[in-house]
Amino acid sequence: MSVVLLDTTDLGEAEEVLSANYSKMQFAASADRPTRTWAKRSPLGSMAFDELRYDYVFHYEGDPMDGIVLTRVRSGAVIHEQPGGGLIPGQ
């Protein structure tokens, strides 16, 4: 059975809930635009399948995650920047 973890327009609440479920994160987004964040968790055998939706453009910084994270981007883009390194588009 799926559980909605988060459905908010409060960026601070999004940081708090996502930090508690993944790793410590800090978000930065435009203050003049809505920032709806939605997350749902569904069990998948011994793993969890999480669906996240961000209805805004943002930048975040976070600590490394403890496990393997697979990502599928349905729209938009992800740009991953390694600490002390350059940009790695699409990772």
PDB file of N, CA and C in Angstrom:
ATOM      1  N   MET A   1       0.829  -1.177   0.000  1.00  0.00           N
ATOM      2  CA  MET A   1       0.000   0.000   0.000  1.00  0.00           C
ATOM      3  C   MET A   1       0.877   1.246   0.000  1.00  0.00           C
ATOM      4  N   SER A   2       0.613   2.166  -0.890  1.00  0.00           N
ATOM      5  CA  SER A   2       1.395   3.387  -1.017  1.00  0.00           C
ATOM      6  C   SER A   2       1.059   4.378   0.096  1.00  0.00           C
ATOM      7  N   VAL A   3       2.064   5.156   0.470  1.00  0.00           N
ATOM      8  CA  VAL A   3       1.898   6.178   1.489  1.00  0.00           C
ATOM      9  C   VAL A   3       2.442   7.490   0.945  1.00  0.00           C
ATOM     10  N   VAL A   4       1.650   8.558   1.021  1.00  0.00           N
ATOM     11  CA  VAL A   4       2.136   9.878   0.618  1.00  0.00           C
ATOM     12  C   VAL A   4       2.989  10.417   1.763  1.00  0.00           C
ATOM     13  N   LEU A   5       4.258  10.645   1.486  1.00  0.00           N
ATOM     14  CA  LEU A   5       5.182  11.157   2.490  1.00  0.00           C
ATOM     15  C   LEU A   5       5.095  12.666   2.621  1.00  0.00           C
ATOM     16  N   LEU A   6       4.757  13.324   1.506  1.00  0.00           N
ATOM     17  CA  LEU A   6       4.865  14.777   1.470  1.00  0.00           C
ATOM     18  C   LEU A   6       3.985  15.347   0.381  1.00  0.00           C
ATOM     19  N   ASP A   7       3.299  16.424   0.677  1.00  0.00           N
ATOM     20  CA  ASP A   7       2.538  17.200  -0.307  1.00  0.00           C
ATOM     21  C   ASP A   7       2.474  18.612   0.234  1.00  0.00           C
ATOM     22  N   THR A   8       3.407  19.452  -0.193  1.00  0.00           N
ATOM     23  CA  THR A   8       3.542  20.769   0.415  1.00  0.00           C
ATOM     24  C   THR A   8       4.028  21.818  -0.578  1.00  0.00           C
ATOM     25  N   THR A   9       3.756  23.060  -0.268  1.00  0.00           N
ATOM     26  CA  THR A   9       4.333  24.191  -0.997  1.00  0.00           C
ATOM     27  C   THR A   9       5.349  24.922  -0.109  1.00  0.00           C
ATOM     28  N   ASP A  10       5.622  24.371   1.067  1.00  0.00           N
ATOM     29  CA  ASP A  10       6.565  24.942   2.026  1.00  0.00           C
ATOM     30  C   ASP A  10       7.939  24.307   1.800  1.00  0.00           C
ATOM     31  N   LEU A  11       8.883  25.084   1.299  1.00  0.00           N
ATOM     32  CA  LEU A  11      10.217  24.562   0.985  1.00  0.00           C
ATOM     33  C   LEU A  11      10.925  24.032   2.234  1.00  0.00           C
ATOM     34  N   GLY A  12      10.708  24.677   3.370  1.00  0.00           N
ATOM     35  CA  GLY A  12      11.307  24.225   4.629  1.00  0.00           C
ATOM     36  C   GLY A  12      10.788  22.860   5.040  1.00  0.00           C
ATOM     37  N   GLU A  13       9.489  22.636   4.881  1.00  0.00           N
ATOM     38  CA  GLU A  13       8.903  21.331   5.194  1.00  0.00           C
ATOM     39  C   GLU A  13       9.447  20.263   4.247  1.00  0.00           C
ATOM     40  N   ALA A  14       9.587  20.612   2.966  1.00  0.00           N
ATOM     41  CA  ALA A  14      10.139  19.663   1.996  1.00  0.00           C
ATOM     42  C   ALA A  14      11.555  19.260   2.401  1.00  0.00           C
ATOM     43  N   GLU A  15      12.389  20.220   2.763  1.00  0.00           N
ATOM     44  CA  GLU A  15      13.753  19.925   3.220  1.00  0.00           C
ATOM     45  C   GLU A  15      13.727  18.985   4.421  1.00  0.00           C
ATOM     46  N   GLU A  16      12.854  19.271   5.389  1.00  0.00           N
ATOM     47  CA  GLU A  16      12.795  18.488   6.616  1.00  0.00           C
ATOM     48  C   GLU A  16      12.386  17.037   6.345  1.00  0.00           C
ATOM     49  N   VAL A  17      11.322  16.838   5.577  1.00  0.00           N
ATOM     50  CA  VAL A  17      10.825  15.481   5.310  1.00  0.00           C
ATOM     51  C   VAL A  17      11.798  14.701   4.429  1.00  0.00           C
ATOM     52  N   LEU A  18      12.311  15.318   3.370  1.00  0.00           N
ATOM     53  CA  LEU A  18      13.237  14.618   2.478  1.00  0.00           C
ATOM     54  C   LEU A  18      14.561  14.326   3.182  1.00  0.00           C
ATOM     55  N   SER A  19      15.008  15.242   4.042  1.00  0.00           N
ATOM     56  CA  SER A  19      16.232  14.988   4.819  1.00  0.00           C
ATOM     57  C   SER A  19      16.045  13.798   5.754  1.00  0.00           C
ATOM     58  N   ALA A  20      14.870  13.670   6.353  1.00  0.00           N
ATOM     59  CA  ALA A  20      14.600  12.566   7.273  1.00  0.00           C
ATOM     60  C   ALA A  20      14.515  11.226   6.545  1.00  0.00           C
ATOM     61  N   ASN A  21      14.137  11.245   5.266  1.00  0.00           N
ATOM     62  CA  ASN A  21      13.946   9.994   4.520  1.00  0.00           C
ATOM     63  C   ASN A  21      15.111   9.623   3.614  1.00  0.00           C
ATOM     64  N   TYR A  22      15.996  10.550   3.291  1.00  0.00           N
ATOM     65  CA  TYR A  22      17.097  10.264   2.366  1.00  0.00           C
ATOM     66  C   TYR A  22      18.439  10.643   2.981  1.00  0.00           C
ATOM     67  N   SER A  23      18.790  11.894   2.935  1.00  0.00           N
ATOM     68  CA  SER A  23      20.002  12.414   3.560  1.00  0.00           C
ATOM     69  C   SER A  23      19.774  13.899   3.780  1.00  0.00           C
ATOM     70  N   LYS A  24      20.586  14.515   4.605  1.00  0.00           N
ATOM     71  CA  LYS A  24      20.408  15.940   4.898  1.00  0.00           C
ATOM     72  C   LYS A  24      20.504  16.734   3.605  1.00  0.00           C
ATOM     73  N   MET A  25      19.482  17.566   3.344  1.00  0.00           N
ATOM     74  CA  MET A  25      19.416  18.348   2.107  1.00  0.00           C
ATOM     75  C   MET A  25      19.066  19.796   2.412  1.00  0.00           C
ATOM     76  N   GLN A  26      19.549  20.675   1.541  1.00  0.00           N
ATOM     77  CA  GLN A  26      19.179  22.091   1.586  1.00  0.00           C
ATOM     78  C   GLN A  26      18.756  22.487   0.181  1.00  0.00           C
ATOM     79  N   PHE A  27      17.569  23.105   0.070  1.00  0.00           N
ATOM     80  CA  PHE A  27      17.019  23.511  -1.218  1.00  0.00           C
ATOM     81  C   PHE A  27      17.139  25.010  -1.411  1.00  0.00           C
ATOM     82  N   ALA A  28      17.282  25.425  -2.664  1.00  0.00           N
ATOM     83  CA  ALA A  28      17.240  26.840  -3.029  1.00  0.00           C
ATOM     84  C   ALA A  28      16.356  26.954  -4.263  1.00  0.00           C
ATOM     85  N   ALA A  29      15.361  27.847  -4.195  1.00  0.00           N
ATOM     86  CA  ALA A  29      14.440  28.051  -5.320  1.00  0.00           C
ATOM     87  C   ALA A  29      14.058  29.520  -5.361  1.00  0.00           C
ATOM     88  N   SER A  30      13.524  29.926  -6.483  1.00  0.00           N
ATOM     89  CA  SER A  30      13.082  31.299  -6.657  1.00  0.00           C
ATOM     90  C   SER A  30      11.965  31.609  -5.664  1.00  0.00           C
ATOM     91  N   ALA A  31      12.077  32.722  -4.950  1.00  0.00           N
ATOM     92  CA  ALA A  31      11.101  33.085  -3.927  1.00  0.00           C
ATOM     93  C   ALA A  31       9.777  33.556  -4.522  1.00  0.00           C
ATOM     94  N   ASP A  32       9.766  33.956  -5.785  1.00  0.00           N
ATOM     95  CA  ASP A  32       8.546  34.509  -6.382  1.00  0.00           C
ATOM     96  C   ASP A  32       7.729  33.476  -7.145  1.00  0.00           C
ATOM     97  N   ARG A  33       8.062  32.190  -7.029  1.00  0.00           N
ATOM     98  CA  ARG A  33       7.346  31.127  -7.739  1.00  0.00           C
ATOM     99  C   ARG A  33       6.864  30.078  -6.754  1.00  0.00           C
ATOM    100  N   PRO A  34       5.753  29.392  -7.066  1.00  0.00           N
ATOM    101  CA  PRO A  34       5.282  28.312  -6.179  1.00  0.00           C
ATOM    102  C   PRO A  34       6.287  27.161  -6.123  1.00  0.00           C
ATOM    103  N   THR A  35       6.357  26.502  -4.978  1.00  0.00           N
ATOM    104  CA  THR A  35       7.305  25.396  -4.798  1.00  0.00           C
ATOM    105  C   THR A  35       6.576  24.169  -4.259  1.00  0.00           C
ATOM    106  N   ARG A  36       5.766  23.534  -5.078  1.00  0.00           N
ATOM    107  CA  ARG A  36       5.053  22.329  -4.634  1.00  0.00           C
ATOM    108  C   ARG A  36       5.974  21.117  -4.756  1.00  0.00           C
ATOM    109  N   THR A  37       6.097  20.383  -3.660  1.00  0.00           N
ATOM    110  CA  THR A  37       6.885  19.163  -3.603  1.00  0.00           C
ATOM    111  C   THR A  37       5.956  18.040  -3.158  1.00  0.00           C
ATOM    112  N   TRP A  38       6.011  16.905  -3.854  1.00  0.00           N
ATOM    113  CA  TRP A  38       5.139  15.766  -3.566  1.00  0.00           C
ATOM    114  C   TRP A  38       5.979  14.510  -3.596  1.00  0.00           C
ATOM    115  N   ALA A  39       5.778  13.639  -2.617  1.00  0.00           N
ATOM    116  CA  ALA A  39       6.519  12.370  -2.560  1.00  0.00           C
ATOM    117  C   ALA A  39       5.609  11.257  -2.079  1.00  0.00           C
ATOM    118  N   LYS A  40       5.697  10.105  -2.746  1.00  0.00           N
ATOM    119  CA  LYS A  40       4.911   8.923  -2.384  1.00  0.00           C
ATOM    120  C   LYS A  40       5.854   7.727  -2.303  1.00  0.00           C
ATOM    121  N   ARG A  41       5.656   6.878  -1.308  1.00  0.00           N
ATOM    122  CA  ARG A  41       6.473   5.672  -1.135  1.00  0.00           C
ATOM    123  C   ARG A  41       5.588   4.439  -1.276  1.00  0.00           C
ATOM    124  N   SER A  42       6.058   3.475  -2.082  1.00  0.00           N
ATOM    125  CA  SER A  42       5.352   2.204  -2.270  1.00  0.00           C
ATOM    126  C   SER A  42       6.326   1.065  -2.010  1.00  0.00           C
ATOM    127  N   PRO A  43       5.897   0.029  -1.280  1.00  0.00           N
ATOM    128  CA  PRO A  43       6.789  -1.116  -1.070  1.00  0.00           C
ATOM    129  C   PRO A  43       6.986  -1.881  -2.369  1.00  0.00           C
ATOM    130  N   LEU A  44       8.186  -2.377  -2.561  1.00  0.00           N
ATOM    131  CA  LEU A  44       8.526  -3.149  -3.750  1.00  0.00           C
ATOM    132  C   LEU A  44       9.407  -4.309  -3.284  1.00  0.00           C
ATOM    133  N   GLY A  45       8.768  -5.352  -2.794  1.00  0.00           N
ATOM    134  CA  GLY A  45       9.519  -6.458  -2.198  1.00  0.00           C
ATOM    135  C   GLY A  45      10.237  -5.970  -0.958  1.00  0.00           C
ATOM    136  N   SER A  46      11.548  -6.214  -0.879  1.00  0.00           N
ATOM    137  CA  SER A  46      12.329  -5.759   0.273  1.00  0.00           C
ATOM    138  C   SER A  46      12.826  -4.325   0.107  1.00  0.00           C
ATOM    139  N   MET A  47      12.459  -3.690  -1.013  1.00  0.00           N
ATOM    140  CA  MET A  47      12.883  -2.315  -1.280  1.00  0.00           C
ATOM    141  C   MET A  47      11.674  -1.389  -1.246  1.00  0.00           C
ATOM    142  N   ALA A  48      11.947  -0.113  -1.453  1.00  0.00           N
ATOM    143  CA  ALA A  48      10.884   0.880  -1.554  1.00  0.00           C
ATOM    144  C   ALA A  48      11.014   1.587  -2.897  1.00  0.00           C
ATOM    145  N   PHE A  49       9.883   1.917  -3.482  1.00  0.00           N
ATOM    146  CA  PHE A  49       9.852   2.696  -4.717  1.00  0.00           C
ATOM    147  C   PHE A  49       9.254   4.043  -4.350  1.00  0.00           C
ATOM    148  N   ASP A  50      10.035   5.088  -4.536  1.00  0.00           N
ATOM    149  CA  ASP A  50       9.579   6.433  -4.210  1.00  0.00           C
ATOM    150  C   ASP A  50       9.365   7.230  -5.486  1.00  0.00           C
ATOM    151  N   GLU A  51       8.252   7.907  -5.555  1.00  0.00           N
ATOM    152  CA  GLU A  51       7.953   8.808  -6.669  1.00  0.00           C
ATOM    153  C   GLU A  51       7.959  10.223  -6.107  1.00  0.00           C
ATOM    154  N   LEU A  52       8.767  11.082  -6.718  1.00  0.00           N
ATOM    155  CA  LEU A  52       8.857  12.460  -6.270  1.00  0.00           C
ATOM    156  C   LEU A  52       8.510  13.401  -7.416  1.00  0.00           C
ATOM    157  N   ARG A  53       7.788  14.455  -7.099  1.00  0.00           N
ATOM    158  CA  ARG A  53       7.432  15.467  -8.094  1.00  0.00           C
ATOM    159  C   ARG A  53       7.798  16.844  -7.550  1.00  0.00           C
ATOM    160  N   TYR A  54       8.518  17.570  -8.366  1.00  0.00           N
ATOM    161  CA  TYR A  54       8.893  18.936  -8.037  1.00  0.00           C
ATOM    162  C   TYR A  54       8.296  19.819  -9.121  1.00  0.00           C
ATOM    163  N   ASP A  55       7.424  20.733  -8.760  1.00  0.00           N
ATOM    164  CA  ASP A  55       6.784  21.618  -9.738  1.00  0.00           C
ATOM    165  C   ASP A  55       7.510  22.960  -9.831  1.00  0.00           C
ATOM    166  N   TYR A  56       8.831  22.933  -9.702  1.00  0.00           N
ATOM    167  CA  TYR A  56       9.625  24.154  -9.723  1.00  0.00           C
ATOM    168  C   TYR A  56      11.069  23.815 -10.069  1.00  0.00           C
ATOM    169  N   VAL A  57      11.827  24.820 -10.446  1.00  0.00           N
ATOM    170  CA  VAL A  57      13.256  24.670 -10.715  1.00  0.00           C
ATOM    171  C   VAL A  57      13.984  24.966  -9.403  1.00  0.00           C
ATOM    172  N   PHE A  58      14.919  24.102  -9.058  1.00  0.00           N
ATOM    173  CA  PHE A  58      15.620  24.300  -7.794  1.00  0.00           C
ATOM    174  C   PHE A  58      17.044  23.786  -7.878  1.00  0.00           C
ATOM    175  N   HIS A  59      17.809  24.163  -6.879  1.00  0.00           N
ATOM    176  CA  HIS A  59      19.172  23.677  -6.670  1.00  0.00           C
ATOM    177  C   HIS A  59      19.188  23.092  -5.267  1.00  0.00           C
ATOM    178  N   TYR A  60      19.868  21.973  -5.088  1.00  0.00           N
ATOM    179  CA  TYR A  60      19.980  21.441  -3.735  1.00  0.00           C
ATOM    180  C   TYR A  60      21.383  20.936  -3.477  1.00  0.00           C
ATOM    181  N   GLU A  61      21.720  20.907  -2.204  1.00  0.00           N
ATOM    182  CA  GLU A  61      22.957  20.305  -1.744  1.00  0.00           C
ATOM    183  C   GLU A  61      22.567  19.282  -0.698  1.00  0.00           C
ATOM    184  N   GLY A  62      23.244  18.133  -0.726  1.00  0.00           N
ATOM    185  CA  GLY A  62      22.908  17.098   0.241  1.00  0.00           C
ATOM    186  C   GLY A  62      24.090  16.217   0.558  1.00  0.00           C
ATOM    187  N   ASP A  63      23.992  15.568   1.692  1.00  0.00           N
ATOM    188  CA  ASP A  63      24.994  14.585   2.090  1.00  0.00           C
ATOM    189  C   ASP A  63      24.841  13.347   1.216  1.00  0.00           C
ATOM    190  N   PRO A  64      25.877  12.521   1.093  1.00  0.00           N
ATOM    191  CA  PRO A  64      25.754  11.277   0.329  1.00  0.00           C
ATOM    192  C   PRO A  64      24.668  10.378   0.927  1.00  0.00           C
ATOM    193  N   MET A  65      23.966   9.657   0.076  1.00  0.00           N
ATOM    194  CA  MET A  65      22.931   8.745   0.537  1.00  0.00           C
ATOM    195  C   MET A  65      23.555   7.407   0.910  1.00  0.00           C
ATOM    196  N   ASP A  66      22.892   6.674   1.795  1.00  0.00           N
ATOM    197  CA  ASP A  66      23.436   5.422   2.324  1.00  0.00           C
ATOM    198  C   ASP A  66      23.329   4.238   1.377  1.00  0.00           C
ATOM    199  N   GLY A  67      22.417   4.272   0.427  1.00  0.00           N
ATOM    200  CA  GLY A  67      22.207   3.113  -0.432  1.00  0.00           C
ATOM    201  C   GLY A  67      22.297   3.463  -1.897  1.00  0.00           C
ATOM    202  N   ILE A  68      21.868   2.535  -2.695  1.00  0.00           N
ATOM    203  CA  ILE A  68      21.828   2.733  -4.142  1.00  0.00           C
ATOM    204  C   ILE A  68      20.548   3.484  -4.483  1.00  0.00           C
ATOM    205  N   VAL A  69      20.678   4.509  -5.299  1.00  0.00           N
ATOM    206  CA  VAL A  69      19.525   5.304  -5.713  1.00  0.00           C
ATOM    207  C   VAL A  69      19.452   5.277  -7.232  1.00  0.00           C
ATOM    208  N   LEU A  70      18.349   4.794  -7.768  1.00  0.00           N
ATOM    209  CA  LEU A  70      18.108   4.798  -9.206  1.00  0.00           C
ATOM    210  C   LEU A  70      17.124   5.920  -9.496  1.00  0.00           C
ATOM    211  N   THR A  71      17.381   6.675 -10.546  1.00  0.00           N
ATOM    212  CA  THR A  71      16.547   7.826 -10.867  1.00  0.00           C
ATOM    213  C   THR A  71      16.075   7.746 -12.301  1.00  0.00           C
ATOM    214  N   ARG A  72      14.798   8.034 -12.497  1.00  0.00           N
ATOM    215  CA  ARG A  72      14.243   8.175 -13.841  1.00  0.00           C
ATOM    216  C   ARG A  72      13.593   9.547 -13.904  1.00  0.00           C
ATOM    217  N   VAL A  73      14.044  10.357 -14.831  1.00  0.00           N
ATOM    218  CA  VAL A  73      13.512  11.705 -14.983  1.00  0.00           C
ATOM    219  C   VAL A  73      12.483  11.685 -16.103  1.00  0.00           C
ATOM    220  N   ARG A  74      11.247  12.049 -15.777  1.00  0.00           N
ATOM    221  CA  ARG A  74      10.178  12.054 -16.778  1.00  0.00           C
ATOM    222  C   ARG A  74      10.144  13.351 -17.570  1.00  0.00           C
ATOM    223  N   SER A  75      10.495  14.435 -16.944  1.00  0.00           N
ATOM    224  CA  SER A  75      10.594  15.710 -17.654  1.00  0.00           C
ATOM    225  C   SER A  75      11.569  16.590 -16.889  1.00  0.00           C
ATOM    226  N   GLY A  76      12.155  17.532 -17.586  1.00  0.00           N
ATOM    227  CA  GLY A  76      13.157  18.382 -16.968  1.00  0.00           C
ATOM    228  C   GLY A  76      14.535  17.770 -17.112  1.00  0.00           C
ATOM    229  N   ALA A  77      15.413  18.106 -16.207  1.00  0.00           N
ATOM    230  CA  ALA A  77      16.791  17.624 -16.269  1.00  0.00           C
ATOM    231  C   ALA A  77      17.370  17.535 -14.869  1.00  0.00           C
ATOM    232  N   VAL A  78      18.382  16.701 -14.723  1.00  0.00           N
ATOM    233  CA  VAL A  78      19.139  16.594 -13.485  1.00  0.00           C
ATOM    234  C   VAL A  78      20.595  16.843 -13.839  1.00  0.00           C
ATOM    235  N   ILE A  79      21.224  17.745 -13.122  1.00  0.00           N
ATOM    236  CA  ILE A  79      22.657  17.984 -13.291  1.00  0.00           C
ATOM    237  C   ILE A  79      23.300  17.702 -11.945  1.00  0.00           C
ATOM    238  N   HIS A  80      24.216  16.747 -11.933  1.00  0.00           N
ATOM    239  CA  HIS A  80      24.883  16.329 -10.698  1.00  0.00           C
ATOM    240  C   HIS A  80      26.273  16.938 -10.669  1.00  0.00           C
ATOM    241  N   GLU A  81      26.617  17.562  -9.549  1.00  0.00           N
ATOM    242  CA  GLU A  81      27.936  18.154  -9.388  1.00  0.00           C
ATOM    243  C   GLU A  81      28.640  17.466  -8.231  1.00  0.00           C
ATOM    244  N   GLN A  82      29.792  16.871  -8.504  1.00  0.00           N
ATOM    245  CA  GLN A  82      30.581  16.221  -7.473  1.00  0.00           C
ATOM    246  C   GLN A  82      31.257  17.281  -6.611  1.00  0.00           C
ATOM    247  N   PRO A  83      31.371  17.050  -5.292  1.00  0.00           N
ATOM    248  CA  PRO A  83      32.100  17.995  -4.454  1.00  0.00           C
ATOM    249  C   PRO A  83      33.528  18.173  -4.960  1.00  0.00           C
ATOM    250  N   GLY A  84      33.924  19.397  -5.179  1.00  0.00           N
ATOM    251  CA  GLY A  84      35.269  19.699  -5.652  1.00  0.00           C
ATOM    252  C   GLY A  84      35.499  19.386  -7.121  1.00  0.00           C
ATOM    253  N   GLY A  85      34.454  18.972  -7.824  1.00  0.00           N
ATOM    254  CA  GLY A  85      34.610  18.594  -9.226  1.00  0.00           C
ATOM    255  C   GLY A  85      33.725  19.432 -10.126  1.00  0.00           C
ATOM    256  N   GLY A  86      33.629  19.028 -11.341  1.00  0.00           N
ATOM    257  CA  GLY A  86      32.812  19.730 -12.319  1.00  0.00           C
ATOM    258  C   GLY A  86      31.421  19.128 -12.437  1.00  0.00           C
ATOM    259  N   LEU A  87      30.655  19.679 -13.340  1.00  0.00           N
ATOM    260  CA  LEU A  87      29.312  19.201 -13.583  1.00  0.00           C
ATOM    261  C   LEU A  87      29.328  17.902 -14.373  1.00  0.00           C
ATOM    262  N   ILE A  88      28.405  17.009 -14.042  1.00  0.00           N
ATOM    263  CA  ILE A  88      28.244  15.757 -14.775  1.00  0.00           C
ATOM    264  C   ILE A  88      26.790  15.699 -15.234  1.00  0.00           C
ATOM    265  N   PRO A  89      26.457  16.205 -16.431  1.00  0.00           N
ATOM    266  CA  PRO A  89      25.063  16.228 -16.872  1.00  0.00           C
ATOM    267  C   PRO A  89      24.448  14.840 -16.916  1.00  0.00           C
ATOM    268  N   GLY A  90      23.193  14.754 -16.452  1.00  0.00           N
ATOM    269  CA  GLY A  90      22.429  13.531 -16.560  1.00  0.00           C
ATOM    270  C   GLY A  90      22.744  12.464 -15.531  1.00  0.00           C
ATOM    271  N   GLN A  91      23.570  12.732 -14.543  1.00  0.00           N
ATOM    272  CA  GLN A  91      23.857  11.711 -13.531  1.00  0.00           C
ATOM    273  C   GLN A  91      23.322  12.138 -12.198  1.00  0.00           C
TER     274      GLN A  91
END
